[in-house]
C-alpha atoms as a PDB file:
ATOM      1  CA  UNK A   1      27.574  -0.228   9.148  1.00  0.00           C
ATOM      2  CA  UNK A   2      24.907   1.364   6.986  1.00  0.00           C
ATOM      3  CA  UNK A   3      25.959   3.129   3.780  1.00  0.00           C
ATOM      4  CA  UNK A   4      23.471   5.118   1.715  1.00  0.00           C
ATOM      5  CA  UNK A   5      24.348   5.564  -1.951  1.00  0.00           C
ATOM      6  CA  UNK A   6      22.696   7.666  -4.636  1.00  0.00           C
ATOM      7  CA  UNK A   7      23.927   7.574  -8.255  1.00  0.00           C
ATOM      8  CA  UNK A   8      27.057   5.695  -7.133  1.00  0.00           C
ATOM      9  CA  UNK A   9      27.937   8.395  -4.568  1.00  0.00           C
ATOM     10  CA  UNK A  10      27.816   7.713  -0.867  1.00  0.00           C
ATOM     11  CA  UNK A  11      25.493  10.263   0.698  1.00  0.00           C
ATOM     12  CA  UNK A  12      25.591   9.050   4.294  1.00  0.00           C
ATOM     13  CA  UNK A  13      26.836   6.337   6.614  1.00  0.00           C
ATOM     14  CA  UNK A  14      26.201   5.340  10.199  1.00  0.00           C
ATOM     15  CA  UNK A  15      27.054   2.505  12.561  1.00  0.00           C
ATOM     16  CA  UNK A  16      24.267   0.048  13.393  1.00  0.00           C
ATOM     17  CA  UNK A  17      25.093  -3.327  14.934  1.00  0.00           C
ATOM     18  CA  UNK A  18      21.873  -5.006  13.840  1.00  0.00           C
ATOM     19  CA  UNK A  19      19.032  -4.371  11.418  1.00  0.00           C
ATOM     20  CA  UNK A  20      16.672  -4.442  14.426  1.00  0.00           C
ATOM     21  CA  UNK A  21      18.395  -1.278  15.707  1.00  0.00           C
ATOM     22  CA  UNK A  22      17.533   0.464  12.446  1.00  0.00           C
ATOM     23  CA  UNK A  23      13.896  -0.615  12.688  1.00  0.00           C
ATOM     24  CA  UNK A  24      13.799   0.528  16.332  1.00  0.00           C
ATOM     25  CA  UNK A  25      15.326   3.881  15.415  1.00  0.00           C
ATOM     26  CA  UNK A  26      12.748   4.237  12.636  1.00  0.00           C
ATOM     27  CA  UNK A  27       9.940   3.478  15.072  1.00  0.00           C
ATOM     28  CA  UNK A  28      11.251   6.127  17.444  1.00  0.00           C
ATOM     29  CA  UNK A  29      11.333   8.715  14.641  1.00  0.00           C
ATOM     30  CA  UNK A  30       7.756   7.836  13.627  1.00  0.00           C
ATOM     31  CA  UNK A  31       6.513   8.097  17.240  1.00  0.00           C
ATOM     32  CA  UNK A  32       8.152  11.506  17.662  1.00  0.00           C
ATOM     33  CA  UNK A  33       6.428  12.700  14.490  1.00  0.00           C
ATOM     34  CA  UNK A  34       3.051  11.445  15.699  1.00  0.00           C
ATOM     35  CA  UNK A  35       3.597  13.129  19.081  1.00  0.00           C
ATOM     36  CA  UNK A  36       4.220  16.392  17.205  1.00  0.00           C
ATOM     37  CA  UNK A  37       0.884  15.965  15.405  1.00  0.00           C
ATOM     38  CA  UNK A  38       2.297  14.887  12.014  1.00  0.00           C
ATOM     39  CA  UNK A  39       0.159  12.336  10.175  1.00  0.00           C
ATOM     40  CA  UNK A  40       1.822   9.248   8.663  1.00  0.00           C
ATOM     41  CA  UNK A  41       1.285  10.400   5.030  1.00  0.00           C
ATOM     42  CA  UNK A  42       2.847  13.766   5.923  1.00  0.00           C
ATOM     43  CA  UNK A  43       5.802  12.052   7.615  1.00  0.00           C
ATOM     44  CA  UNK A  44       6.368   9.761   4.609  1.00  0.00           C
ATOM     45  CA  UNK A  45       6.479  12.710   2.203  1.00  0.00           C
ATOM     46  CA  UNK A  46       8.715  14.708   4.552  1.00  0.00           C
ATOM     47  CA  UNK A  47      11.183  11.822   4.888  1.00  0.00           C
ATOM     48  CA  UNK A  48      11.313  11.340   1.116  1.00  0.00           C
ATOM     49  CA  UNK A  49      11.962  15.051   0.561  1.00  0.00           C
ATOM     50  CA  UNK A  50      14.733  15.006   3.177  1.00  0.00           C
ATOM     51  CA  UNK A  51      16.530  12.104   1.504  1.00  0.00           C
ATOM     52  CA  UNK A  52      16.231  13.708  -1.952  1.00  0.00           C
ATOM     53  CA  UNK A  53      17.505  17.025  -0.537  1.00  0.00           C
ATOM     54  CA  UNK A  54      20.658  15.458   0.944  1.00  0.00           C
ATOM     55  CA  UNK A  55      21.293  13.452  -2.234  1.00  0.00           C
ATOM     56  CA  UNK A  56      21.003  16.638  -4.320  1.00  0.00           C
ATOM     57  CA  UNK A  57      23.378  18.510  -1.986  1.00  0.00           C
ATOM     58  CA  UNK A  58      25.943  15.710  -2.235  1.00  0.00           C
ATOM     59  CA  UNK A  59      25.659  15.608  -6.032  1.00  0.00           C
ATOM     60  CA  UNK A  60      26.169  19.382  -6.175  1.00  0.00           C
ATOM     61  CA  UNK A  61      29.307  19.037  -4.022  1.00  0.00           C
ATOM     62  CA  UNK A  62      27.902  21.131  -1.179  1.00  0.00           C
ATOM     63  CA  UNK A  63      28.839  20.556   2.454  1.00  0.00           C
ATOM     64  CA  UNK A  64      26.419  18.687   4.669  1.00  0.00           C
ATOM     65  CA  UNK A  65      26.107  18.813   8.419  1.00  0.00           C
ATOM     66  CA  UNK A  66      25.883  16.022  10.970  1.00  0.00           C
ATOM     67  CA  UNK A  67      22.304  16.944  11.860  1.00  0.00           C
ATOM     68  CA  UNK A  68      21.332  16.523   8.188  1.00  0.00           C
ATOM     69  CA  UNK A  69      22.885  13.057   8.142  1.00  0.00           C
ATOM     70  CA  UNK A  70      21.081  12.124  11.356  1.00  0.00           C
ATOM     71  CA  UNK A  71      17.758  13.295   9.938  1.00  0.00           C
ATOM     72  CA  UNK A  72      18.332  11.358   6.696  1.00  0.00           C
ATOM     73  CA  UNK A  73      19.225   8.212   8.615  1.00  0.00           C
ATOM     74  CA  UNK A  74      16.136   8.647  10.762  1.00  0.00           C
ATOM     75  CA  UNK A  75      14.059   9.238   7.631  1.00  0.00           C
ATOM     76  CA  UNK A  76      15.474   6.143   5.932  1.00  0.00           C
ATOM     77  CA  UNK A  77      14.896   3.985   9.020  1.00  0.00           C
ATOM     78  CA  UNK A  78      11.340   5.319   9.376  1.00  0.00           C
ATOM     79  CA  UNK A  79      10.603   4.567   5.700  1.00  0.00           C
ATOM     80  CA  UNK A  80      12.086   1.106   6.189  1.00  0.00           C
ATOM     81  CA  UNK A  81       9.849   0.559   9.234  1.00  0.00           C
ATOM     82  CA  UNK A  82       6.766   1.627   7.221  1.00  0.00           C
ATOM     83  CA  UNK A  83       7.753  -0.534   4.195  1.00  0.00           C
ATOM     84  CA  UNK A  84       7.911   2.552   1.959  1.00  0.00           C
ATOM     85  CA  UNK A  85      11.174   1.798   0.135  1.00  0.00           C
ATOM     86  CA  UNK A  86      10.921   1.036  -3.585  1.00  0.00           C
ATOM     87  CA  UNK A  87      13.392  -1.462  -5.187  1.00  0.00           C
ATOM     88  CA  UNK A  88      15.733  -0.013  -7.845  1.00  0.00           C
ATOM     89  CA  UNK A  89      19.376   0.462  -8.805  1.00  0.00           C
ATOM     90  CA  UNK A  90      20.679   2.554  -5.876  1.00  0.00           C
ATOM     91  CA  UNK A  91      22.229   0.546  -3.072  1.00  0.00           C
ATOM     92  CA  UNK A  92      22.093   0.488   0.664  1.00  0.00           C
ATOM     93  CA  UNK A  93      24.560  -1.894   2.265  1.00  0.00           C
ATOM     94  CA  UNK A  94      24.285  -3.159   5.817  1.00  0.00           C
ATOM     95  CA  UNK A  95      27.116  -5.241   7.197  1.00  0.00           C
ATOM     96  CA  UNK A  96      25.808  -7.478   9.956  1.00  0.00           C
ATOM     97  CA  UNK A  97      28.050 -10.030  11.709  1.00  0.00           C
ATOM     98  CA  UNK A  98      30.368 -10.448   8.729  1.00  0.00           C
ATOM     99  CA  UNK A  99      27.543 -10.763   6.202  1.00  0.00           C
ATOM    100  CA  UNK A 100      26.638  -8.099   3.684  1.00  0.00           C
ATOM    101  CA  UNK A 101      22.989  -7.447   2.880  1.00  0.00           C
ATOM    102  CA  UNK A 102      22.207  -5.350  -0.162  1.00  0.00           C
ATOM    103  CA  UNK A 103      18.974  -3.435  -0.514  1.00  0.00           C
ATOM    104  CA  UNK A 104      18.132  -1.530  -3.660  1.00  0.00           C
ATOM    105  CA  UNK A 105      16.197   1.686  -3.199  1.00  0.00           C
ATOM    106  CA  UNK A 106      15.147   4.256  -5.777  1.00  0.00           C
ATOM    107  CA  UNK A 107      15.742   7.634  -4.101  1.00  0.00           C
ATOM    108  CA  UNK A 108      14.500   9.500  -7.185  1.00  0.00           C
ATOM    109  CA  UNK A 109      11.084   7.866  -6.948  1.00  0.00           C
ATOM    110  CA  UNK A 110      10.649   8.110  -3.182  1.00  0.00           C
END
């Protein structure tokens, strides 16, 4: 299970059995962007904006839709695939076969 947190608030969660699935999903999102003519720098900035937007909506207490969560998860996985995540104090937790991996990501500085 993947849980995305921002300022100690969960902003999204999704079920992934393995970290490789996340990387594969990220690769798929990147390929779709390239097929649509979006350059990698443009995709990186777009994914960062998407994550910040959802985090801001959650902090403001506004409702979010499933498609927004799917896009954020795709954006996160794509950034993970491109090694664009910056270490910090916000946590992403992935439970994989009974083990918990913790990744720190700074969503404010994406």
